[in-house]
Protein backbone atom coordinates (compact mmCIF):
# COMPACT_ATOMS: atom_id res chain seq x y z
CA MET A 1 0.15 0.06 -0.09
CA SER A 2 1.32 3.43 -0.98
CA ILE A 3 1.77 5.77 2.09
CA PHE A 4 -0.43 8.10 0.07
CA GLN A 5 -3.41 5.71 0.09
CA ASP A 6 -3.90 6.52 3.96
CA PRO A 7 -7.07 8.22 4.33
CA ASN A 8 -5.49 10.45 6.91
CA LEU A 9 -3.18 11.83 4.42
CA LYS A 10 -5.56 13.50 2.27
CA PRO A 11 -4.83 17.11 3.10
CA VAL A 12 -1.24 16.10 2.32
CA ILE A 13 -2.37 14.62 -1.10
CA VAL A 14 -4.70 17.91 -1.86
CA ASP A 15 -1.54 20.02 -1.00
CA LEU A 16 0.96 17.99 -3.28
CA LEU A 17 -1.64 17.89 -6.24
CA SER A 18 -1.84 21.79 -5.68
CA ALA A 19 1.98 22.20 -5.57
CA ILE A 20 2.44 19.94 -8.71
CA ASN A 21 -0.37 21.61 -10.91
CA GLU A 22 0.99 25.33 -9.63
CA HIS A 23 4.73 24.05 -10.65
CA LEU A 24 3.55 22.98 -14.04
CA ALA A 25 1.48 26.05 -14.64
CA GLN A 26 4.26 28.08 -13.81
CA LEU A 27 6.49 26.23 -16.21
CA GLY A 28 4.08 26.86 -19.06
CA CYS A 29 2.72 23.36 -19.17
CA LYS A 30 -0.81 22.51 -19.94
CA ALA A 31 -1.10 19.35 -18.03
CA SER A 32 -3.22 19.22 -14.83
CA TYR A 33 -2.77 16.28 -12.29
CA LEU A 34 -6.03 14.69 -10.60
CA LYS A 35 -3.76 11.91 -8.96
CA LEU A 36 -0.51 11.71 -7.48
CA PRO A 37 2.41 9.74 -9.53
CA GLU A 38 3.34 6.33 -7.99
CA VAL A 39 6.57 6.90 -6.08
CA ASP A 40 8.11 3.99 -4.02
CA PRO A 41 7.43 4.96 -0.30
CA GLU A 42 11.26 4.06 0.60
CA ILE A 43 12.15 6.64 -2.03
CA VAL A 44 9.79 9.12 -0.48
CA LYS A 45 11.35 8.48 3.10
CA SER A 46 14.93 9.14 1.57
CA LEU A 47 14.09 12.12 -0.53
CA SER A 48 11.71 13.75 1.79
CA GLY A 49 12.75 17.49 2.34
CA LYS A 50 15.64 17.31 -0.07
CA LYS A 51 15.67 20.42 -2.39
CA ILE A 52 16.05 18.93 -5.91
CA LEU A 53 16.17 21.44 -8.60
CA MET A 54 15.72 20.11 -12.25
CA VAL A 55 17.30 22.25 -14.99
CA ASP A 56 16.30 21.31 -18.64
CA ASP A 57 14.94 22.73 -21.69
CA SER A 58 12.64 19.83 -22.88
CA ASP A 59 9.18 18.44 -22.48
CA TRP A 60 10.74 15.87 -19.95
CA ILE A 61 10.62 18.46 -17.36
CA GLU A 62 6.62 18.22 -17.62
CA ASN A 63 7.13 14.28 -16.81
CA TRP A 64 9.37 14.85 -13.78
CA VAL A 65 8.30 17.65 -12.05
CA PRO A 66 5.11 15.79 -10.63
CA ILE A 67 7.36 12.90 -9.50
CA LEU A 68 10.05 14.88 -7.93
CA ILE A 69 7.51 17.02 -5.89
CA VAL A 70 5.87 13.75 -4.62
CA ALA A 71 9.56 12.11 -3.86
CA THR A 72 10.79 15.21 -1.98
CA ASN A 73 7.37 15.98 -0.40
CA ASN A 74 7.24 19.26 -2.26
CA CYS A 75 10.69 20.62 -2.21
CA ALA A 76 11.74 20.10 -5.75
CA SER A 77 11.50 22.76 -8.44
CA ALA A 78 12.57 23.09 -11.82
CA ILE A 79 14.05 25.84 -14.37
CA PHE A 80 12.99 25.57 -17.85
CA HIS A 81 15.89 26.86 -19.52
CA GLU A 82 15.15 29.18 -22.77
CA ALA A 83 17.63 30.44 -25.27
CA SER A 84 17.09 33.99 -23.90
CA VAL A 85 18.57 33.15 -20.46
CA SER A 86 22.43 33.53 -20.62
CA GLU A 87 24.78 31.01 -18.84
CA GLN A 88 25.40 33.36 -16.06
CA ASN A 89 21.96 34.25 -15.70
CA LEU A 90 21.28 30.75 -15.33
CA ILE A 91 23.84 29.97 -12.74
CA GLY A 92 22.32 32.89 -10.89
CA MET A 93 18.71 31.37 -10.95
CA ILE A 94 20.15 28.00 -9.80
CA ALA A 95 21.94 29.57 -6.88
CA ARG A 96 19.06 31.60 -5.78
CA ARG A 97 17.06 28.21 -5.48
CA ASN A 98 19.63 26.90 -2.93
CA PRO A 99 19.21 23.37 -4.03
CA ASP A 100 20.66 20.39 -2.28
CA ILE A 101 20.86 18.28 -5.87
CA ILE A 102 20.74 19.72 -9.33
CA LEU A 103 19.38 17.32 -11.97
CA LEU A 104 21.13 18.78 -15.09
CA ASP A 105 20.71 18.31 -18.76
CA LYS A 106 23.93 18.06 -21.09
CA SER A 107 22.34 20.46 -23.93
CA LEU A 108 20.40 23.23 -22.95
CA ALA A 109 18.65 26.15 -25.08
CA GLY A 110 20.77 28.59 -26.83
CA GLY A 111 23.79 26.29 -26.86
CA VAL A 112 24.53 26.27 -23.29
CA GLN A 113 26.36 23.02 -22.30
CA GLY A 114 25.47 21.42 -19.08
CA ASN A 115 28.89 19.81 -18.84
CA LEU A 116 30.51 23.22 -19.13
CA LEU A 117 28.26 24.43 -16.32
CA VAL A 118 29.18 21.84 -13.94
CA GLU A 119 32.73 23.30 -12.71
CA LYS A 120 31.21 26.88 -12.62
CA LEU A 121 28.15 25.44 -10.41
CA LYS A 122 30.57 23.47 -8.33
CA ASN A 123 32.63 26.58 -7.74
CA GLU A 124 29.59 28.62 -6.85
CA LEU A 125 27.69 25.93 -4.95
CA PRO A 126 30.64 23.56 -3.66
CA LEU A 127 28.22 21.60 -1.29
CA VAL A 128 25.70 21.03 -3.95
CA LYS A 129 25.40 17.48 -5.71
CA ILE A 130 24.98 17.68 -9.29
CA PHE A 131 23.66 14.80 -11.27
CA GLY A 132 23.58 14.56 -14.94
CA PHE A 133 20.04 13.89 -16.43
CA SER A 134 20.04 13.59 -20.33
CA SER A 135 18.49 11.18 -22.49
CA SER A 136 21.81 9.88 -23.89
CA ASP A 137 24.58 7.81 -22.36
CA HIS A 138 27.16 9.74 -24.15
CA SER A 139 25.66 12.75 -22.72
CA ASN A 140 25.69 11.69 -19.29
CA GLN A 141 29.29 10.43 -19.49
CA LEU A 142 30.30 13.99 -20.42
CA LEU A 143 28.58 15.11 -17.49
CA ILE A 144 30.11 12.77 -15.08
CA LYS A 145 33.57 13.64 -16.82
CA ALA A 146 32.94 17.11 -16.08
CA GLY A 147 32.20 16.50 -12.31
CA ALA A 148 28.75 15.40 -11.98
CA VAL A 149 28.59 12.85 -9.13
CA GLY A 150 26.43 10.40 -11.33
CA ALA A 151 23.91 10.49 -14.00
CA ALA A 152 20.74 8.67 -15.38
CA ASP A 153 18.68 8.61 -18.45
CA LYS A 154 15.72 10.83 -17.91
CA THR A 155 13.86 8.81 -20.35
CA GLU A 156 14.07 5.78 -18.28
CA PRO A 157 10.28 4.57 -18.11
CA ASP A 158 10.65 3.28 -14.51
CA THR A 159 11.12 6.34 -12.74
CA ASN A 160 11.75 4.73 -9.28
CA ILE A 161 15.04 3.12 -11.05
CA VAL A 162 16.16 6.56 -11.75
CA LEU A 163 15.25 8.00 -8.18
CA LYS A 164 17.02 5.21 -6.51
CA GLU A 165 20.26 5.89 -8.47
CA ILE A 166 19.88 9.71 -7.61
CA ILE A 167 19.76 8.49 -3.73
CA LYS A 168 22.58 6.15 -4.13
CA VAL A 169 25.22 8.80 -5.24
CA CYS A 170 23.76 12.06 -3.81
CA LEU A 171 22.70 11.13 -0.29
């Protein structure tokens, strides 16, 4: 039984659904959730309260934000990177969120390369764990080579596998 099936948690469920839909709307997504995505309760225990920030420029952000919000008990957020945002401004936006973990795509809008951001982010935010989060193994390997603590394929259909990898290398 999912921890979110407990009838006493109805206010928590409503709050999480509200947070998911607010985050998606802020990102310009048209999706609206009526039911929480399934996340392994052990993952929720491990990630609850962890500030995870996803930085991406693709529609995958729409898939992952709800999962991350549930897994972290509403401590996750995302930056949808647009070409008009410079690398320096992006670093500032990330720093202002004060994340514990950054899920970073390798290829961002406007030619910004995640692997080149890793070193700059590590200098700016030395305590933050940077985790590669691209759709190709080659891109993820470049992020690790640049200093990311680990990486996973954001297109993996079993999101619990990805979340367990994040826990393994970031906590």
